[in-house]
């Protein structure tokens, strides 16, 4: 956690920017997207054609 805070501070000072809160679910969504891209890439390497569609959340 400390490393993440120091990294944020470094980039803010280096680029002369202000801190913008990304929200409580930012990292969960980022991880979800990363895992999905990894899975698609692995399937394509195995020779599959992948079409991604969002599932209906009402069920």
PDB file of N, CA and C in Angstrom:
ATOM      1  N   UNK A   1       0.823  -1.182   0.000  1.00  0.00           N
ATOM      2  CA  UNK A   1       0.000   0.000   0.000  1.00  0.00           C
ATOM      3  C   UNK A   1       0.875   1.257   0.000  1.00  0.00           C
ATOM      4  N   UNK A   2       1.929   1.245   0.798  1.00  0.00           N
ATOM      5  CA  UNK A   2       2.816   2.409   0.866  1.00  0.00           C
ATOM      6  C   UNK A   2       3.477   2.668  -0.484  1.00  0.00           C
ATOM      7  N   UNK A   3       3.854   1.596  -1.172  1.00  0.00           N
ATOM      8  CA  UNK A   3       4.482   1.747  -2.490  1.00  0.00           C
ATOM      9  C   UNK A   3       3.521   2.412  -3.463  1.00  0.00           C
ATOM     10  N   UNK A   4       2.265   2.007  -3.419  1.00  0.00           N
ATOM     11  CA  UNK A   4       1.254   2.586  -4.309  1.00  0.00           C
ATOM     12  C   UNK A   4       1.090   4.083  -4.031  1.00  0.00           C
ATOM     13  N   UNK A   5       1.062   4.454  -2.747  1.00  0.00           N
ATOM     14  CA  UNK A   5       0.910   5.866  -2.382  1.00  0.00           C
ATOM     15  C   UNK A   5       2.114   6.676  -2.848  1.00  0.00           C
ATOM     16  N   UNK A   6       3.315   6.138  -2.640  1.00  0.00           N
ATOM     17  CA  UNK A   6       4.521   6.843  -3.081  1.00  0.00           C
ATOM     18  C   UNK A   6       4.564   6.990  -4.598  1.00  0.00           C
ATOM     19  N   UNK A   7       4.124   5.966  -5.316  1.00  0.00           N
ATOM     20  CA  UNK A   7       4.090   6.030  -6.774  1.00  0.00           C
ATOM     21  C   UNK A   7       3.123   7.114  -7.238  1.00  0.00           C
ATOM     22  N   UNK A   8       1.965   7.177  -6.606  1.00  0.00           N
ATOM     23  CA  UNK A   8       0.983   8.215  -6.943  1.00  0.00           C
ATOM     24  C   UNK A   8       1.571   9.598  -6.688  1.00  0.00           C
ATOM     25  N   UNK A   9       2.194   9.774  -5.519  1.00  0.00           N
ATOM     26  CA  UNK A   9       2.806  11.073  -5.178  1.00  0.00           C
ATOM     27  C   UNK A   9       3.881  11.456  -6.184  1.00  0.00           C
ATOM     28  N   UNK A  10       4.704  10.500  -6.561  1.00  0.00           N
ATOM     29  CA  UNK A  10       5.770  10.768  -7.529  1.00  0.00           C
ATOM     30  C   UNK A  10       5.199  11.288  -8.842  1.00  0.00           C
ATOM     31  N   UNK A  11       4.192  10.592  -9.373  1.00  0.00           N
ATOM     32  CA  UNK A  11       3.621  10.991 -10.661  1.00  0.00           C
ATOM     33  C   UNK A  11       2.894  12.335 -10.565  1.00  0.00           C
ATOM     34  N   UNK A  12       2.237  12.584  -9.438  1.00  0.00           N
ATOM     35  CA  UNK A  12       1.559  13.872  -9.263  1.00  0.00           C
ATOM     36  C   UNK A  12       2.559  15.021  -9.244  1.00  0.00           C
ATOM     37  N   UNK A  13       3.650  14.841  -8.515  1.00  0.00           N
ATOM     38  CA  UNK A  13       4.661  15.898  -8.439  1.00  0.00           C
ATOM     39  C   UNK A  13       5.405  16.058  -9.763  1.00  0.00           C
ATOM     40  N   UNK A  14       5.713  14.951 -10.410  1.00  0.00           N
ATOM     41  CA  UNK A  14       6.457  14.996 -11.668  1.00  0.00           C
ATOM     42  C   UNK A  14       5.657  15.706 -12.758  1.00  0.00           C
ATOM     43  N   UNK A  15       4.363  15.383 -12.850  1.00  0.00           N
ATOM     44  CA  UNK A  15       3.519  15.927 -13.913  1.00  0.00           C
ATOM     45  C   UNK A  15       2.754  17.180 -13.487  1.00  0.00           C
ATOM     46  N   UNK A  16       2.963  17.636 -12.249  1.00  0.00           N
ATOM     47  CA  UNK A  16       2.295  18.822 -11.701  1.00  0.00           C
ATOM     48  C   UNK A  16       0.780  18.729 -11.871  1.00  0.00           C
ATOM     49  N   UNK A  17       0.229  17.612 -11.380  1.00  0.00           N
ATOM     50  CA  UNK A  17      -1.205  17.367 -11.472  1.00  0.00           C
ATOM     51  C   UNK A  17      -1.808  17.323 -10.075  1.00  0.00           C
ATOM     52  N   UNK A  18      -3.146  17.396 -10.015  1.00  0.00           N
ATOM     53  CA  UNK A  18      -3.832  17.228  -8.744  1.00  0.00           C
ATOM     54  C   UNK A  18      -4.345  15.793  -8.657  1.00  0.00           C
ATOM     55  N   UNK A  19      -4.546  15.318  -7.441  1.00  0.00           N
ATOM     56  CA  UNK A  19      -5.014  13.950  -7.222  1.00  0.00           C
ATOM     57  C   UNK A  19      -6.500  13.854  -7.514  1.00  0.00           C
ATOM     58  N   UNK A  20      -6.891  12.843  -8.262  1.00  0.00           N
ATOM     59  CA  UNK A  20      -8.293  12.588  -8.573  1.00  0.00           C
ATOM     60  C   UNK A  20      -8.621  11.185  -8.081  1.00  0.00           C
ATOM     61  N   UNK A  21      -9.590  11.085  -7.164  1.00  0.00           N
ATOM     62  CA  UNK A  21      -9.998   9.789  -6.623  1.00  0.00           C
ATOM     63  C   UNK A  21     -10.653   8.969  -7.733  1.00  0.00           C
ATOM     64  N   UNK A  22     -10.213   7.728  -7.896  1.00  0.00           N
ATOM     65  CA  UNK A  22     -10.704   6.882  -8.976  1.00  0.00           C
ATOM     66  C   UNK A  22     -11.956   6.103  -8.594  1.00  0.00           C
ATOM     67  N   UNK A  23     -12.301   6.095  -7.337  1.00  0.00           N
ATOM     68  CA  UNK A  23     -13.503   5.413  -6.894  1.00  0.00           C
ATOM     69  C   UNK A  23     -13.192   4.090  -6.228  1.00  0.00           C
ATOM     70  N   UNK A  24     -14.151   3.568  -5.477  1.00  0.00           N
ATOM     71  CA  UNK A  24     -13.907   2.351  -4.698  1.00  0.00           C
ATOM     72  C   UNK A  24     -13.788   1.077  -5.536  1.00  0.00           C
ATOM     73  N   UNK A  25     -14.328   1.076  -6.736  1.00  0.00           N
ATOM     74  CA  UNK A  25     -14.336  -0.147  -7.541  1.00  0.00           C
ATOM     75  C   UNK A  25     -13.376  -0.091  -8.725  1.00  0.00           C
ATOM     76  N   UNK A  26     -12.536   0.918  -8.771  1.00  0.00           N
ATOM     77  CA  UNK A  26     -11.636   1.094  -9.913  1.00  0.00           C
ATOM     78  C   UNK A  26     -10.721  -0.108 -10.109  1.00  0.00           C
ATOM     79  N   UNK A  27     -10.062  -0.539  -9.037  1.00  0.00           N
ATOM     80  CA  UNK A  27      -9.090  -1.620  -9.174  1.00  0.00           C
ATOM     81  C   UNK A  27      -9.759  -2.966  -9.440  1.00  0.00           C
ATOM     82  N   UNK A  28     -10.970  -3.191  -8.889  1.00  0.00           N
ATOM     83  CA  UNK A  28     -11.685  -4.432  -9.175  1.00  0.00           C
ATOM     84  C   UNK A  28     -12.059  -4.519 -10.657  1.00  0.00           C
ATOM     85  N   UNK A  29     -12.542  -3.405 -11.210  1.00  0.00           N
ATOM     86  CA  UNK A  29     -12.920  -3.379 -12.626  1.00  0.00           C
ATOM     87  C   UNK A  29     -11.696  -3.514 -13.521  1.00  0.00           C
ATOM     88  N   UNK A  30     -10.606  -2.874 -13.124  1.00  0.00           N
ATOM     89  CA  UNK A  30      -9.365  -2.974 -13.891  1.00  0.00           C
ATOM     90  C   UNK A  30      -8.855  -4.415 -13.910  1.00  0.00           C
ATOM     91  N   UNK A  31      -8.918  -5.099 -12.759  1.00  0.00           N
ATOM     92  CA  UNK A  31      -8.493  -6.497 -12.660  1.00  0.00           C
ATOM     93  C   UNK A  31      -9.402  -7.383 -13.521  1.00  0.00           C
ATOM     94  N   UNK A  32     -10.711  -7.131 -13.469  1.00  0.00           N
ATOM     95  CA  UNK A  32     -11.678  -7.912 -14.247  1.00  0.00           C
ATOM     96  C   UNK A  32     -11.392  -7.796 -15.744  1.00  0.00           C
ATOM     97  N   UNK A  33     -11.130  -6.582 -16.199  1.00  0.00           N
ATOM     98  CA  UNK A  33     -10.813  -6.348 -17.603  1.00  0.00           C
ATOM     99  C   UNK A  33      -9.513  -7.037 -17.994  1.00  0.00           C
ATOM    100  N   UNK A  34      -8.519  -6.977 -17.120  1.00  0.00           N
ATOM    101  CA  UNK A  34      -7.221  -7.601 -17.387  1.00  0.00           C
ATOM    102  C   UNK A  34      -7.360  -9.119 -17.512  1.00  0.00           C
ATOM    103  N   UNK A  35      -8.106  -9.736 -16.602  1.00  0.00           N
ATOM    104  CA  UNK A  35      -8.296 -11.187 -16.629  1.00  0.00           C
ATOM    105  C   UNK A  35      -9.037 -11.597 -17.897  1.00  0.00           C
ATOM    106  N   UNK A  36     -10.035 -10.823 -18.299  1.00  0.00           N
ATOM    107  CA  UNK A  36     -10.782 -11.130 -19.518  1.00  0.00           C
ATOM    108  C   UNK A  36      -9.877 -11.055 -20.744  1.00  0.00           C
ATOM    109  N   UNK A  37      -9.043 -10.016 -20.828  1.00  0.00           N
ATOM    110  CA  UNK A  37      -8.122  -9.894 -21.966  1.00  0.00           C
ATOM    111  C   UNK A  37      -7.124 -11.037 -22.009  1.00  0.00           C
ATOM    112  N   UNK A  38      -6.635 -11.456 -20.848  1.00  0.00           N
ATOM    113  CA  UNK A  38      -5.703 -12.581 -20.793  1.00  0.00           C
ATOM    114  C   UNK A  38      -6.357 -13.855 -21.310  1.00  0.00           C
ATOM    115  N   UNK A  39      -7.590 -14.112 -20.883  1.00  0.00           N
ATOM    116  CA  UNK A  39      -8.297 -15.319 -21.300  1.00  0.00           C
ATOM    117  C   UNK A  39      -8.541 -15.313 -22.808  1.00  0.00           C
ATOM    118  N   UNK A  40      -8.939 -14.170 -23.344  1.00  0.00           N
ATOM    119  CA  UNK A  40      -9.173 -14.058 -24.785  1.00  0.00           C
ATOM    120  C   UNK A  40      -7.885 -14.309 -25.546  1.00  0.00           C
ATOM    121  N   UNK A  41      -6.796 -13.720 -25.099  1.00  0.00           N
ATOM    122  CA  UNK A  41      -5.501 -13.887 -25.763  1.00  0.00           C
ATOM    123  C   UNK A  41      -5.068 -15.357 -25.751  1.00  0.00           C
ATOM    124  N   UNK A  42      -5.253 -16.036 -24.618  1.00  0.00           N
ATOM    125  CA  UNK A  42      -4.871 -17.448 -24.526  1.00  0.00           C
ATOM    126  C   UNK A  42      -5.702 -18.309 -25.474  1.00  0.00           C
ATOM    127  N   UNK A  43      -6.999 -18.039 -25.553  1.00  0.00           N
ATOM    128  CA  UNK A  43      -7.850 -18.801 -26.464  1.00  0.00           C
ATOM    129  C   UNK A  43      -7.470 -18.554 -27.916  1.00  0.00           C
ATOM    130  N   UNK A  44      -7.145 -17.313 -28.259  1.00  0.00           N
ATOM    131  CA  UNK A  44      -6.741 -17.010 -29.631  1.00  0.00           C
ATOM    132  C   UNK A  44      -5.419 -17.685 -29.977  1.00  0.00           C
ATOM    133  N   UNK A  45      -4.513 -17.780 -29.021  1.00  0.00           N
ATOM    134  CA  UNK A  45      -3.251 -18.484 -29.251  1.00  0.00           C
ATOM    135  C   UNK A  45      -3.508 -19.961 -29.529  1.00  0.00           C
ATOM    136  N   UNK A  46      -4.533 -20.521 -28.886  1.00  0.00           N
ATOM    137  CA  UNK A  46      -4.890 -21.923 -29.100  1.00  0.00           C
ATOM    138  C   UNK A  46      -5.666 -22.140 -30.395  1.00  0.00           C
ATOM    139  N   UNK A  47      -5.976 -21.056 -31.107  1.00  0.00           N
ATOM    140  CA  UNK A  47      -6.625 -21.179 -32.403  1.00  0.00           C
ATOM    141  C   UNK A  47      -8.121 -20.931 -32.405  1.00  0.00           C
ATOM    142  N   UNK A  48      -8.661 -20.417 -31.317  1.00  0.00           N
ATOM    143  CA  UNK A  48     -10.088 -20.137 -31.251  1.00  0.00           C
ATOM    144  C   UNK A  48     -10.364 -18.698 -31.646  1.00  0.00           C
ATOM    145  N   UNK A  49     -11.537 -18.482 -32.247  1.00  0.00           N
ATOM    146  CA  UNK A  49     -12.004 -17.131 -32.533  1.00  0.00           C
ATOM    147  C   UNK A  49     -12.949 -16.750 -31.395  1.00  0.00           C
ATOM    148  N   UNK A  50     -12.694 -15.636 -30.756  1.00  0.00           N
ATOM    149  CA  UNK A  50     -13.441 -15.252 -29.561  1.00  0.00           C
ATOM    150  C   UNK A  50     -14.303 -14.031 -29.853  1.00  0.00           C
ATOM    151  N   UNK A  51     -15.593 -14.139 -29.526  1.00  0.00           N
ATOM    152  CA  UNK A  51     -16.514 -13.014 -29.611  1.00  0.00           C
ATOM    153  C   UNK A  51     -17.027 -12.768 -28.196  1.00  0.00           C
ATOM    154  N   UNK A  52     -16.815 -11.575 -27.680  1.00  0.00           N
ATOM    155  CA  UNK A  52     -17.178 -11.259 -26.300  1.00  0.00           C
ATOM    156  C   UNK A  52     -18.488 -10.488 -26.286  1.00  0.00           C
ATOM    157  N   UNK A  53     -19.425 -10.969 -25.463  1.00  0.00           N
ATOM    158  CA  UNK A  53     -20.707 -10.296 -25.280  1.00  0.00           C
ATOM    159  C   UNK A  53     -20.992 -10.213 -23.789  1.00  0.00           C
ATOM    160  N   UNK A  54     -21.574  -9.111 -23.350  1.00  0.00           N
ATOM    161  CA  UNK A  54     -21.962  -8.969 -21.952  1.00  0.00           C
ATOM    162  C   UNK A  54     -23.155  -9.874 -21.676  1.00  0.00           C
ATOM    163  N   UNK A  55     -23.140 -10.523 -20.512  1.00  0.00           N
ATOM    164  CA  UNK A  55     -24.267 -11.364 -20.116  1.00  0.00           C
ATOM    165  C   UNK A  55     -25.362 -10.493 -19.518  1.00  0.00           C
ATOM    166  N   UNK A  56     -26.617 -10.923 -19.674  1.00  0.00           N
ATOM    167  CA  UNK A  56     -27.748 -10.211 -19.096  1.00  0.00           C
ATOM    168  C   UNK A  56     -27.707 -10.374 -17.579  1.00  0.00           C
ATOM    169  N   UNK A  57     -27.709  -9.284 -16.828  1.00  0.00           N
ATOM    170  CA  UNK A  57     -27.560  -9.317 -15.375  1.00  0.00           C
ATOM    171  C   UNK A  57     -28.886  -9.514 -14.640  1.00  0.00           C
ATOM    172  N   UNK A  58     -30.016  -9.644 -15.343  1.00  0.00           N
ATOM    173  CA  UNK A  58     -31.311  -9.740 -14.676  1.00  0.00           C
ATOM    174  C   UNK A  58     -31.582 -11.112 -14.092  1.00  0.00           C
ATOM    175  N   UNK A  59     -30.877 -12.136 -14.547  1.00  0.00           N
ATOM    176  CA  UNK A  59     -31.153 -13.501 -14.080  1.00  0.00           C
ATOM    177  C   UNK A  59     -30.631 -13.758 -12.699  1.00  0.00           C
TER     178      UNK A  59
END
